């Protein structure tokens, strides 16, 4: 991946692959943001209802799950040791 930004060039295949690997996490974070916005705008309708709270909790849980899954995909886990 590139360390600099050049607005005249297109993303490389490696850049696009990295984005694709992060897509589940990005999608989860966007759903969380949407739930947060809904909570903030709930004052216009008398405050958040039980479905708003449930949606927020589920979105938060999804972000946590996807974060752990994303980290697990990138962390090298050694295999079981064999006796010599």
PDB file of N, CA and C in Angstrom:
ATOM      1  N   UNK A   1       0.818  -1.176   0.000  1.00  0.00           N
ATOM      2  CA  UNK A   1       0.000   0.000   0.000  1.00  0.00           C
ATOM      3  C   UNK A   1       0.862   1.240   0.000  1.00  0.00           C
ATOM      4  N   UNK A   2       0.329   2.302  -0.535  1.00  0.00           N
ATOM      5  CA  UNK A   2       1.078   3.550  -0.611  1.00  0.00           C
ATOM      6  C   UNK A   2       1.001   4.313   0.705  1.00  0.00           C
ATOM      7  N   UNK A   3       2.076   5.050   1.000  1.00  0.00           N
ATOM      8  CA  UNK A   3       2.109   5.874   2.200  1.00  0.00           C
ATOM      9  C   UNK A   3       1.784   7.330   1.903  1.00  0.00           C
ATOM     10  N   UNK A   4       1.597   7.665   0.666  1.00  0.00           N
ATOM     11  CA  UNK A   4       1.304   9.044   0.292  1.00  0.00           C
ATOM     12  C   UNK A   4       0.029   9.074  -0.550  1.00  0.00           C
ATOM     13  N   UNK A   5      -0.512  10.249  -0.734  1.00  0.00           N
ATOM     14  CA  UNK A   5      -1.735  10.408  -1.514  1.00  0.00           C
ATOM     15  C   UNK A   5      -1.450  11.265  -2.732  1.00  0.00           C
ATOM     16  N   UNK A   6      -1.774  10.736  -3.876  1.00  0.00           N
ATOM     17  CA  UNK A   6      -1.634  11.468  -5.132  1.00  0.00           C
ATOM     18  C   UNK A   6      -3.005  11.446  -5.795  1.00  0.00           C
ATOM     19  N   UNK A   7      -3.679  12.585  -5.832  1.00  0.00           N
ATOM     20  CA  UNK A   7      -5.049  12.614  -6.322  1.00  0.00           C
ATOM     21  C   UNK A   7      -5.174  12.350  -7.812  1.00  0.00           C
ATOM     22  N   UNK A   8      -4.071  12.285  -8.536  1.00  0.00           N
ATOM     23  CA  UNK A   8      -4.140  12.003  -9.967  1.00  0.00           C
ATOM     24  C   UNK A   8      -4.058  10.511 -10.264  1.00  0.00           C
ATOM     25  N   UNK A   9      -3.694   9.707  -9.291  1.00  0.00           N
ATOM     26  CA  UNK A   9      -3.559   8.269  -9.537  1.00  0.00           C
ATOM     27  C   UNK A   9      -4.745   7.509  -8.946  1.00  0.00           C
ATOM     28  N   UNK A  10      -4.978   6.362  -9.517  1.00  0.00           N
ATOM     29  CA  UNK A  10      -6.048   5.485  -9.055  1.00  0.00           C
ATOM     30  C   UNK A  10      -5.519   4.594  -7.940  1.00  0.00           C
ATOM     31  N   UNK A  11      -6.417   4.033  -7.123  1.00  0.00           N
ATOM     32  CA  UNK A  11      -5.956   3.106  -6.089  1.00  0.00           C
ATOM     33  C   UNK A  11      -5.342   1.860  -6.729  1.00  0.00           C
ATOM     34  N   UNK A  12      -4.324   1.360  -6.097  1.00  0.00           N
ATOM     35  CA  UNK A  12      -3.675   0.151  -6.612  1.00  0.00           C
ATOM     36  C   UNK A  12      -4.521  -1.067  -6.249  1.00  0.00           C
ATOM     37  N   UNK A  13      -4.157  -2.193  -6.824  1.00  0.00           N
ATOM     38  CA  UNK A  13      -4.849  -3.443  -6.497  1.00  0.00           C
ATOM     39  C   UNK A  13      -4.694  -3.764  -5.016  1.00  0.00           C
ATOM     40  N   UNK A  14      -3.521  -3.469  -4.451  1.00  0.00           N
ATOM     41  CA  UNK A  14      -3.294  -3.709  -3.021  1.00  0.00           C
ATOM     42  C   UNK A  14      -4.180  -2.801  -2.170  1.00  0.00           C
ATOM     43  N   UNK A  15      -4.341  -1.550  -2.604  1.00  0.00           N
ATOM     44  CA  UNK A  15      -5.220  -0.625  -1.883  1.00  0.00           C
ATOM     45  C   UNK A  15      -6.659  -1.146  -1.876  1.00  0.00           C
ATOM     46  N   UNK A  16      -7.130  -1.564  -3.039  1.00  0.00           N
ATOM     47  CA  UNK A  16      -8.495  -2.067  -3.147  1.00  0.00           C
ATOM     48  C   UNK A  16      -8.685  -3.355  -2.350  1.00  0.00           C
ATOM     49  N   UNK A  17      -7.680  -4.215  -2.350  1.00  0.00           N
ATOM     50  CA  UNK A  17      -7.761  -5.454  -1.573  1.00  0.00           C
ATOM     51  C   UNK A  17      -7.827  -5.153  -0.077  1.00  0.00           C
ATOM     52  N   UNK A  18      -7.055  -4.178   0.373  1.00  0.00           N
ATOM     53  CA  UNK A  18      -7.076  -3.801   1.793  1.00  0.00           C
ATOM     54  C   UNK A  18      -8.446  -3.252   2.186  1.00  0.00           C
ATOM     55  N   UNK A  19      -9.040  -2.478   1.295  1.00  0.00           N
ATOM     56  CA  UNK A  19     -10.375  -1.937   1.574  1.00  0.00           C
ATOM     57  C   UNK A  19     -11.391  -3.067   1.643  1.00  0.00           C
ATOM     58  N   UNK A  20     -11.296  -4.018   0.732  1.00  0.00           N
ATOM     59  CA  UNK A  20     -12.219  -5.153   0.737  1.00  0.00           C
ATOM     60  C   UNK A  20     -12.102  -5.960   2.021  1.00  0.00           C
ATOM     61  N   UNK A  21     -10.885  -6.126   2.534  1.00  0.00           N
ATOM     62  CA  UNK A  21     -10.707  -6.854   3.792  1.00  0.00           C
ATOM     63  C   UNK A  21     -11.371  -6.128   4.957  1.00  0.00           C
ATOM     64  N   UNK A  22     -11.427  -4.816   4.876  1.00  0.00           N
ATOM     65  CA  UNK A  22     -12.019  -4.019   5.949  1.00  0.00           C
ATOM     66  C   UNK A  22     -13.513  -3.765   5.749  1.00  0.00           C
ATOM     67  N   UNK A  23     -14.070  -4.188   4.633  1.00  0.00           N
ATOM     68  CA  UNK A  23     -15.469  -3.872   4.327  1.00  0.00           C
ATOM     69  C   UNK A  23     -16.445  -4.279   5.431  1.00  0.00           C
ATOM     70  N   UNK A  24     -16.368  -5.480   6.015  1.00  0.00           N
ATOM     71  CA  UNK A  24     -17.323  -5.816   7.083  1.00  0.00           C
ATOM     72  C   UNK A  24     -17.237  -4.855   8.274  1.00  0.00           C
ATOM     73  N   UNK A  25     -16.025  -4.460   8.635  1.00  0.00           N
ATOM     74  CA  UNK A  25     -15.856  -3.518   9.741  1.00  0.00           C
ATOM     75  C   UNK A  25     -16.380  -2.134   9.361  1.00  0.00           C
ATOM     76  N   UNK A  26     -16.098  -1.695   8.152  1.00  0.00           N
ATOM     77  CA  UNK A  26     -16.588  -0.390   7.690  1.00  0.00           C
ATOM     78  C   UNK A  26     -18.117  -0.372   7.677  1.00  0.00           C
ATOM     79  N   UNK A  27     -18.722  -1.440   7.190  1.00  0.00           N
ATOM     80  CA  UNK A  27     -20.181  -1.532   7.149  1.00  0.00           C
ATOM     81  C   UNK A  27     -20.768  -1.497   8.554  1.00  0.00           C
ATOM     82  N   UNK A  28     -20.142  -2.218   9.480  1.00  0.00           N
ATOM     83  CA  UNK A  28     -20.611  -2.220  10.871  1.00  0.00           C
ATOM     84  C   UNK A  28     -20.487  -0.835  11.492  1.00  0.00           C
ATOM     85  N   UNK A  29     -19.389  -0.153  11.215  1.00  0.00           N
ATOM     86  CA  UNK A  29     -19.201   1.191  11.768  1.00  0.00           C
ATOM     87  C   UNK A  29     -20.204   2.182  11.181  1.00  0.00           C
ATOM     88  N   UNK A  30     -20.553   2.014   9.913  1.00  0.00           N
ATOM     89  CA  UNK A  30     -21.554   2.895   9.305  1.00  0.00           C
ATOM     90  C   UNK A  30     -22.932   2.663   9.929  1.00  0.00           C
ATOM     91  N   UNK A  31     -23.268   1.407  10.219  1.00  0.00           N
ATOM     92  CA  UNK A  31     -24.541   1.103  10.878  1.00  0.00           C
ATOM     93  C   UNK A  31     -24.563   1.685  12.291  1.00  0.00           C
ATOM     94  N   UNK A  32     -23.428   1.631  12.977  1.00  0.00           N
ATOM     95  CA  UNK A  32     -23.324   2.202  14.324  1.00  0.00           C
ATOM     96  C   UNK A  32     -23.513   3.719  14.262  1.00  0.00           C
ATOM     97  N   UNK A  33     -22.865   4.354  13.297  1.00  0.00           N
ATOM     98  CA  UNK A  33     -23.013   5.797  13.132  1.00  0.00           C
ATOM     99  C   UNK A  33     -24.468   6.161  12.855  1.00  0.00           C
ATOM    100  N   UNK A  34     -25.127   5.387  12.011  1.00  0.00           N
ATOM    101  CA  UNK A  34     -26.530   5.641  11.703  1.00  0.00           C
ATOM    102  C   UNK A  34     -27.395   5.501  12.956  1.00  0.00           C
ATOM    103  N   UNK A  35     -27.110   4.492  13.781  1.00  0.00           N
ATOM    104  CA  UNK A  35     -27.856   4.311  15.030  1.00  0.00           C
ATOM    105  C   UNK A  35     -27.610   5.472  15.988  1.00  0.00           C
ATOM    106  N   UNK A  36     -26.378   5.956  16.041  1.00  0.00           N
ATOM    107  CA  UNK A  36     -26.060   7.108  16.896  1.00  0.00           C
ATOM    108  C   UNK A  36     -26.799   8.358  16.417  1.00  0.00           C
ATOM    109  N   UNK A  37     -26.850   8.565  15.116  1.00  0.00           N
ATOM    110  CA  UNK A  37     -27.565   9.719  14.563  1.00  0.00           C
ATOM    111  C   UNK A  37     -29.050   9.624  14.894  1.00  0.00           C
ATOM    112  N   UNK A  38     -29.602   8.427  14.790  1.00  0.00           N
ATOM    113  CA  UNK A  38     -31.008   8.225  15.138  1.00  0.00           C
ATOM    114  C   UNK A  38     -31.255   8.578  16.597  1.00  0.00           C
ATOM    115  N   UNK A  39     -30.335   8.182  17.471  1.00  0.00           N
ATOM    116  CA  UNK A  39     -30.476   8.507  18.895  1.00  0.00           C
ATOM    117  C   UNK A  39     -30.426  10.018  19.113  1.00  0.00           C
ATOM    118  N   UNK A  40     -29.521  10.685  18.430  1.00  0.00           N
ATOM    119  CA  UNK A  40     -29.391  12.131  18.605  1.00  0.00           C
ATOM    120  C   UNK A  40     -30.602  12.892  18.076  1.00  0.00           C
ATOM    121  N   UNK A  41     -31.209  12.371  17.034  1.00  0.00           N
ATOM    122  CA  UNK A  41     -32.369  13.055  16.460  1.00  0.00           C
ATOM    123  C   UNK A  41     -33.682  12.589  17.085  1.00  0.00           C
ATOM    124  N   UNK A  42     -33.623  11.684  18.050  1.00  0.00           N
ATOM    125  CA  UNK A  42     -34.835  11.157  18.677  1.00  0.00           C
ATOM    126  C   UNK A  42     -35.549  12.201  19.525  1.00  0.00           C
ATOM    127  N   UNK A  43     -34.864  13.257  19.920  1.00  0.00           N
ATOM    128  CA  UNK A  43     -35.508  14.307  20.710  1.00  0.00           C
ATOM    129  C   UNK A  43     -36.675  14.931  19.961  1.00  0.00           C
ATOM    130  N   UNK A  44     -36.602  14.944  18.648  1.00  0.00           N
ATOM    131  CA  UNK A  44     -37.670  15.521  17.835  1.00  0.00           C
ATOM    132  C   UNK A  44     -38.966  14.723  17.949  1.00  0.00           C
ATOM    133  N   UNK A  45     -38.867  13.491  18.372  1.00  0.00           N
ATOM    134  CA  UNK A  45     -40.063  12.655  18.497  1.00  0.00           C
ATOM    135  C   UNK A  45     -40.270  12.155  19.924  1.00  0.00           C
ATOM    136  N   UNK A  46     -39.755  12.903  20.875  1.00  0.00           N
ATOM    137  CA  UNK A  46     -40.013  12.578  22.277  1.00  0.00           C
ATOM    138  C   UNK A  46     -38.968  11.705  22.936  1.00  0.00           C
ATOM    139  N   UNK A  47     -37.848  11.503  22.301  1.00  0.00           N
ATOM    140  CA  UNK A  47     -36.772  10.695  22.881  1.00  0.00           C
ATOM    141  C   UNK A  47     -36.692   9.327  22.237  1.00  0.00           C
ATOM    142  N   UNK A  48     -35.580   8.645  22.473  1.00  0.00           N
ATOM    143  CA  UNK A  48     -35.403   7.322  21.865  1.00  0.00           C
ATOM    144  C   UNK A  48     -36.385   6.309  22.450  1.00  0.00           C
ATOM    145  N   UNK A  49     -36.864   5.428  21.595  1.00  0.00           N
ATOM    146  CA  UNK A  49     -37.754   4.368  22.063  1.00  0.00           C
ATOM    147  C   UNK A  49     -36.955   3.079  22.239  1.00  0.00           C
ATOM    148  N   UNK A  50     -37.623   2.023  22.626  1.00  0.00           N
ATOM    149  CA  UNK A  50     -36.925   0.763  22.908  1.00  0.00           C
ATOM    150  C   UNK A  50     -36.254   0.193  21.658  1.00  0.00           C
ATOM    151  N   UNK A  51     -36.860   0.389  20.498  1.00  0.00           N
ATOM    152  CA  UNK A  51     -36.238  -0.100  19.264  1.00  0.00           C
ATOM    153  C   UNK A  51     -34.969   0.676  18.932  1.00  0.00           C
ATOM    154  N   UNK A  52     -34.955   1.970  19.207  1.00  0.00           N
ATOM    155  CA  UNK A  52     -33.746   2.771  18.989  1.00  0.00           C
ATOM    156  C   UNK A  52     -32.605   2.255  19.860  1.00  0.00           C
ATOM    157  N   UNK A  53     -32.917   1.991  21.129  1.00  0.00           N
ATOM    158  CA  UNK A  53     -31.883   1.491  22.044  1.00  0.00           C
ATOM    159  C   UNK A  53     -31.386   0.112  21.609  1.00  0.00           C
ATOM    160  N   UNK A  54     -32.323  -0.734  21.186  1.00  0.00           N
ATOM    161  CA  UNK A  54     -31.932  -2.073  20.734  1.00  0.00           C
ATOM    162  C   UNK A  54     -31.047  -1.984  19.499  1.00  0.00           C
ATOM    163  N   UNK A  55     -31.417  -1.127  18.573  1.00  0.00           N
ATOM    164  CA  UNK A  55     -30.628  -0.949  17.352  1.00  0.00           C
ATOM    165  C   UNK A  55     -29.217  -0.468  17.683  1.00  0.00           C
ATOM    166  N   UNK A  56     -29.105   0.458  18.634  1.00  0.00           N
ATOM    167  CA  UNK A  56     -27.796   0.959  19.037  1.00  0.00           C
ATOM    168  C   UNK A  56     -26.957  -0.151  19.672  1.00  0.00           C
ATOM    169  N   UNK A  57     -27.560  -0.919  20.579  1.00  0.00           N
ATOM    170  CA  UNK A  57     -26.814  -2.016  21.228  1.00  0.00           C
ATOM    171  C   UNK A  57     -26.353  -3.050  20.210  1.00  0.00           C
ATOM    172  N   UNK A  58     -27.221  -3.393  19.278  1.00  0.00           N
ATOM    173  CA  UNK A  58     -26.855  -4.375  18.255  1.00  0.00           C
ATOM    174  C   UNK A  58     -25.744  -3.848  17.353  1.00  0.00           C
ATOM    175  N   UNK A  59     -25.811  -2.575  17.005  1.00  0.00           N
ATOM    176  CA  UNK A  59     -24.772  -1.976  16.160  1.00  0.00           C
ATOM    177  C   UNK A  59     -23.438  -1.951  16.895  1.00  0.00           C
ATOM    178  N   UNK A  60     -23.465  -1.605  18.173  1.00  0.00           N
ATOM    179  CA  UNK A  60     -22.230  -1.604  18.968  1.00  0.00           C
ATOM    180  C   UNK A  60     -21.639  -3.006  19.049  1.00  0.00           C
ATOM    181  N   UNK A  61     -22.493  -3.993  19.293  1.00  0.00           N
ATOM    182  CA  UNK A  61     -22.024  -5.381  19.388  1.00  0.00           C
ATOM    183  C   UNK A  61     -21.433  -5.843  18.059  1.00  0.00           C
ATOM    184  N   UNK A  62     -22.047  -5.442  16.962  1.00  0.00           N
ATOM    185  CA  UNK A  62     -21.535  -5.829  15.639  1.00  0.00           C
ATOM    186  C   UNK A  62     -20.166  -5.216  15.385  1.00  0.00           C
ATOM    187  N   UNK A  63     -19.975  -3.955  15.775  1.00  0.00           N
ATOM    188  CA  UNK A  63     -18.666  -3.318  15.604  1.00  0.00           C
ATOM    189  C   UNK A  63     -17.615  -4.063  16.420  1.00  0.00           C
ATOM    190  N   UNK A  64     -17.960  -4.443  17.633  1.00  0.00           N
ATOM    191  CA  UNK A  64     -17.007  -5.185  18.466  1.00  0.00           C
ATOM    192  C   UNK A  64     -16.658  -6.518  17.810  1.00  0.00           C
ATOM    193  N   UNK A  65     -17.675  -7.257  17.350  1.00  0.00           N
ATOM    194  CA  UNK A  65     -17.423  -8.549  16.685  1.00  0.00           C
ATOM    195  C   UNK A  65     -16.547  -8.382  15.455  1.00  0.00           C
ATOM    196  N   UNK A  66     -16.881  -7.402  14.616  1.00  0.00           N
ATOM    197  CA  UNK A  66     -16.117  -7.202  13.385  1.00  0.00           C
ATOM    198  C   UNK A  66     -14.698  -6.712  13.674  1.00  0.00           C
ATOM    199  N   UNK A  67     -14.529  -5.940  14.734  1.00  0.00           N
ATOM    200  CA  UNK A  67     -13.186  -5.496  15.104  1.00  0.00           C
ATOM    201  C   UNK A  67     -12.332  -6.690  15.497  1.00  0.00           C
ATOM    202  N   UNK A  68     -12.876  -7.568  16.337  1.00  0.00           N
ATOM    203  CA  UNK A  68     -12.130  -8.761  16.725  1.00  0.00           C
ATOM    204  C   UNK A  68     -11.842  -9.650  15.520  1.00  0.00           C
ATOM    205  N   UNK A  69     -12.809  -9.802  14.628  1.00  0.00           N
ATOM    206  CA  UNK A  69     -12.600 -10.621  13.433  1.00  0.00           C
ATOM    207  C   UNK A  69     -11.529 -10.005  12.540  1.00  0.00           C
ATOM    208  N   UNK A  70     -11.548  -8.695  12.410  1.00  0.00           N
ATOM    209  CA  UNK A  70     -10.551  -8.000  11.586  1.00  0.00           C
ATOM    210  C   UNK A  70      -9.151  -8.186  12.168  1.00  0.00           C
ATOM    211  N   UNK A  71      -9.030  -8.027  13.464  1.00  0.00           N
ATOM    212  CA  UNK A  71      -7.724  -8.208  14.110  1.00  0.00           C
ATOM    213  C   UNK A  71      -7.271  -9.659  13.971  1.00  0.00           C
ATOM    214  N   UNK A  72      -8.184 -10.588  14.155  1.00  0.00           N
ATOM    215  CA  UNK A  72      -7.828 -12.007  14.060  1.00  0.00           C
ATOM    216  C   UNK A  72      -7.329 -12.367  12.664  1.00  0.00           C
ATOM    217  N   UNK A  73      -7.859 -11.712  11.640  1.00  0.00           N
ATOM    218  CA  UNK A  73      -7.402 -11.994  10.275  1.00  0.00           C
ATOM    219  C   UNK A  73      -5.984 -11.490  10.035  1.00  0.00           C
ATOM    220  N   UNK A  74      -5.543 -10.534  10.829  1.00  0.00           N
ATOM    221  CA  UNK A  74      -4.241  -9.920  10.603  1.00  0.00           C
ATOM    222  C   UNK A  74      -3.168 -10.325  11.604  1.00  0.00           C
ATOM    223  N   UNK A  75      -3.530 -11.077  12.609  1.00  0.00           N
ATOM    224  CA  UNK A  75      -2.561 -11.492  13.625  1.00  0.00           C
ATOM    225  C   UNK A  75      -2.086 -12.895  13.285  1.00  0.00           C
ATOM    226  N   UNK A  76      -0.791 -13.045  13.297  1.00  0.00           N
ATOM    227  CA  UNK A  76      -0.222 -14.364  13.032  1.00  0.00           C
ATOM    228  C   UNK A  76      -0.396 -15.224  14.271  1.00  0.00           C
ATOM    229  N   UNK A  77      -1.050 -16.339  14.096  1.00  0.00           N
ATOM    230  CA  UNK A  77      -1.213 -17.258  15.215  1.00  0.00           C
ATOM    231  C   UNK A  77      -0.345 -18.481  14.951  1.00  0.00           C
ATOM    232  N   UNK A  78       0.613 -18.742  15.816  1.00  0.00           N
ATOM    233  CA  UNK A  78       1.450 -19.920  15.609  1.00  0.00           C
ATOM    234  C   UNK A  78       0.631 -21.197  15.783  1.00  0.00           C
ATOM    235  N   UNK A  79       0.994 -22.187  15.014  1.00  0.00           N
ATOM    236  CA  UNK A  79       0.316 -23.466  15.114  1.00  0.00           C
ATOM    237  C   UNK A  79       0.754 -24.219  16.358  1.00  0.00           C
ATOM    238  N   UNK A  80       0.145 -25.372  16.609  1.00  0.00           N
ATOM    239  CA  UNK A  80       0.529 -26.150  17.791  1.00  0.00           C
ATOM    240  C   UNK A  80       1.966 -26.647  17.655  1.00  0.00           C
ATOM    241  N   UNK A  81       2.653 -26.667  18.764  1.00  0.00           N
ATOM    242  CA  UNK A  81       4.043 -27.139  18.758  1.00  0.00           C
ATOM    243  C   UNK A  81       4.069 -28.658  18.732  1.00  0.00           C
ATOM    244  N   UNK A  82       5.025 -29.150  17.993  1.00  0.00           N
ATOM    245  CA  UNK A  82       5.186 -30.604  17.920  1.00  0.00           C
ATOM    246  C   UNK A  82       6.354 -31.024  18.787  1.00  0.00           C
ATOM    247  N   UNK A  83       6.212 -32.165  19.379  1.00  0.00           N
ATOM    248  CA  UNK A  83       7.303 -32.695  20.206  1.00  0.00           C
ATOM    249  C   UNK A  83       8.461 -33.091  19.302  1.00  0.00           C
ATOM    250  N   UNK A  84       9.668 -32.821  19.755  1.00  0.00           N
ATOM    251  CA  UNK A  84      10.854 -33.126  18.948  1.00  0.00           C
ATOM    252  C   UNK A  84      11.229 -34.575  19.017  1.00  0.00           C
TER     253      UNK A  84
END
